[in-house]
Protein backbone atom coordinates (compact mmCIF):
# COMPACT_ATOMS: atom_id res chain seq x y z
CA UNK A 1 0.00 0.00 0.00
CA UNK A 2 2.81 2.42 0.81
CA UNK A 3 4.31 1.88 -2.63
CA UNK A 4 1.00 2.47 -4.36
CA UNK A 5 0.48 5.62 -2.32
CA UNK A 6 3.91 6.94 -3.32
CA UNK A 7 3.18 6.35 -6.99
CA UNK A 8 -0.33 7.81 -6.72
CA UNK A 9 1.00 10.91 -4.93
CA UNK A 10 3.72 11.43 -7.56
CA UNK A 11 1.23 11.02 -10.39
CA UNK A 12 -1.17 13.50 -8.78
CA UNK A 13 1.62 16.05 -8.30
CA UNK A 14 2.64 15.75 -11.94
CA UNK A 15 -0.96 16.05 -13.13
CA UNK A 16 -1.49 19.14 -10.97
CA UNK A 17 1.64 20.74 -12.42
CA UNK A 18 0.51 20.03 -15.96
CA UNK A 19 -3.04 21.28 -15.30
CA UNK A 20 -1.78 24.59 -13.89
CA UNK A 21 0.23 25.40 -17.00
CA UNK A 22 -1.30 27.47 -19.77
CA UNK A 23 0.14 25.23 -22.44
CA UNK A 24 1.66 21.79 -22.14
CA UNK A 25 4.54 20.84 -24.37
CA UNK A 26 5.73 17.41 -25.35
CA UNK A 27 8.74 18.01 -23.11
CA UNK A 28 6.50 18.61 -20.09
CA UNK A 29 4.72 15.30 -20.63
CA UNK A 30 8.00 13.44 -21.20
CA UNK A 31 9.50 14.98 -18.06
CA UNK A 32 6.46 13.97 -15.99
CA UNK A 33 6.72 10.41 -17.33
CA UNK A 34 10.44 10.41 -16.63
CA UNK A 35 9.91 11.48 -13.02
CA UNK A 36 7.36 8.72 -12.58
CA UNK A 37 9.78 6.18 -14.05
CA UNK A 38 12.51 7.36 -11.67
CA UNK A 39 10.16 6.83 -8.74
CA UNK A 40 9.26 3.34 -9.98
CA UNK A 41 12.94 2.42 -10.35
CA UNK A 42 13.69 3.82 -6.90
CA UNK A 43 10.92 1.69 -5.41
CA UNK A 44 12.23 -1.36 -7.28
CA UNK A 45 15.70 -0.70 -5.86
CA UNK A 46 14.32 -0.42 -2.33
CA UNK A 47 12.37 -3.65 -2.83
CA UNK A 48 15.47 -5.45 -4.10
CA UNK A 49 17.41 -4.28 -1.05
CA UNK A 50 14.69 -5.47 1.32
CA UNK A 51 13.87 -8.73 -0.45
CA UNK A 52 15.69 -11.45 1.46
CA UNK A 53 15.62 -14.27 -1.07
CA UNK A 54 19.04 -15.91 -0.72
CA UNK A 55 20.17 -18.19 2.07
CA UNK A 56 23.67 -18.00 3.44
CA UNK A 57 25.20 -20.35 5.97
CA UNK A 58 26.83 -18.37 8.78
CA UNK A 59 28.65 -19.25 11.93
CA UNK A 60 27.78 -17.36 15.10
CA UNK A 61 30.07 -16.43 17.99
CA UNK A 62 29.48 -19.77 19.77
CA UNK A 63 30.47 -21.77 16.71
CA UNK A 64 26.97 -22.79 15.73
CA UNK A 65 25.92 -22.71 12.11
CA UNK A 66 22.65 -21.23 10.98
CA UNK A 67 21.07 -20.00 7.80
CA UNK A 68 20.68 -16.27 7.28
CA UNK A 69 18.55 -14.78 4.54
CA UNK A 70 19.97 -11.87 2.62
CA UNK A 71 19.17 -9.81 -0.43
CA UNK A 72 20.52 -10.90 -3.79
CA UNK A 73 23.42 -8.64 -4.74
CA UNK A 74 22.74 -9.28 -8.43
CA UNK A 75 19.15 -8.08 -8.08
CA UNK A 76 20.28 -5.01 -6.17
CA UNK A 77 22.94 -4.20 -8.76
CA UNK A 78 20.46 -4.60 -11.61
CA UNK A 79 17.85 -2.40 -9.89
CA UNK A 80 20.50 0.21 -9.06
CA UNK A 81 21.67 0.28 -12.68
CA UNK A 82 18.10 0.72 -13.94
CA UNK A 83 17.56 3.56 -11.46
CA UNK A 84 20.77 5.28 -12.55
CA UNK A 85 19.77 4.93 -16.21
CA UNK A 86 16.34 6.45 -15.51
CA UNK A 87 17.94 9.42 -13.75
CA UNK A 88 20.45 9.80 -16.57
CA UNK A 89 17.65 9.72 -19.18
CA UNK A 90 15.78 12.47 -17.33
CA UNK A 91 18.98 14.52 -17.15
CA UNK A 92 19.61 14.09 -20.87
CA UNK A 93 16.00 15.02 -21.65
CA UNK A 94 16.33 18.25 -19.66
CA UNK A 95 19.76 18.98 -21.14
CA UNK A 96 18.46 18.58 -24.70
CA UNK A 97 15.46 20.80 -23.94
CA UNK A 98 17.71 23.53 -22.53
CA UNK A 99 19.93 23.39 -25.61
CA UNK A 100 16.89 23.56 -27.87
CA UNK A 101 15.49 26.51 -25.93
CA UNK A 102 18.85 28.31 -26.06
CA UNK A 103 19.04 27.78 -29.83
CA UNK A 104 15.49 29.08 -30.29
CA UNK A 105 16.29 32.11 -28.18
CA UNK A 106 19.43 32.76 -30.21
CA UNK A 107 17.49 32.50 -33.46
CA UNK A 108 14.78 34.80 -32.14
CA UNK A 109 17.34 37.39 -31.04
CA UNK A 110 19.08 37.14 -34.41
CA UNK A 111 15.77 37.63 -36.25
CA UNK A 112 14.97 40.60 -34.03
CA UNK A 113 18.40 42.15 -34.68
CA UNK A 114 18.00 41.61 -38.44
CA UNK A 115 14.68 43.43 -38.44
């Protein structure tokens, strides 16, 4: 339930932001989707860290052996990599939009100066 509430809250925040804008660009929608994907990957990483699905035989201080459950390091590494990629994709999306906006501003200023 907590996970669903996090996702629902994030989706509602993004929808509210988009509704309050006068015009919504393709970039705004892609950024909202990207933020939601980041949240999903973050939740998957947290789940992988908490999911104790591997048994390990350990020896305690009195010399007794017992099984201990621990999280799979491969699953954690995979989830972490997917999270990093999602953050990187959002960064690249924003970077490209800023470059595009700067180019459009430069062209507009050039057109204004020409006139």
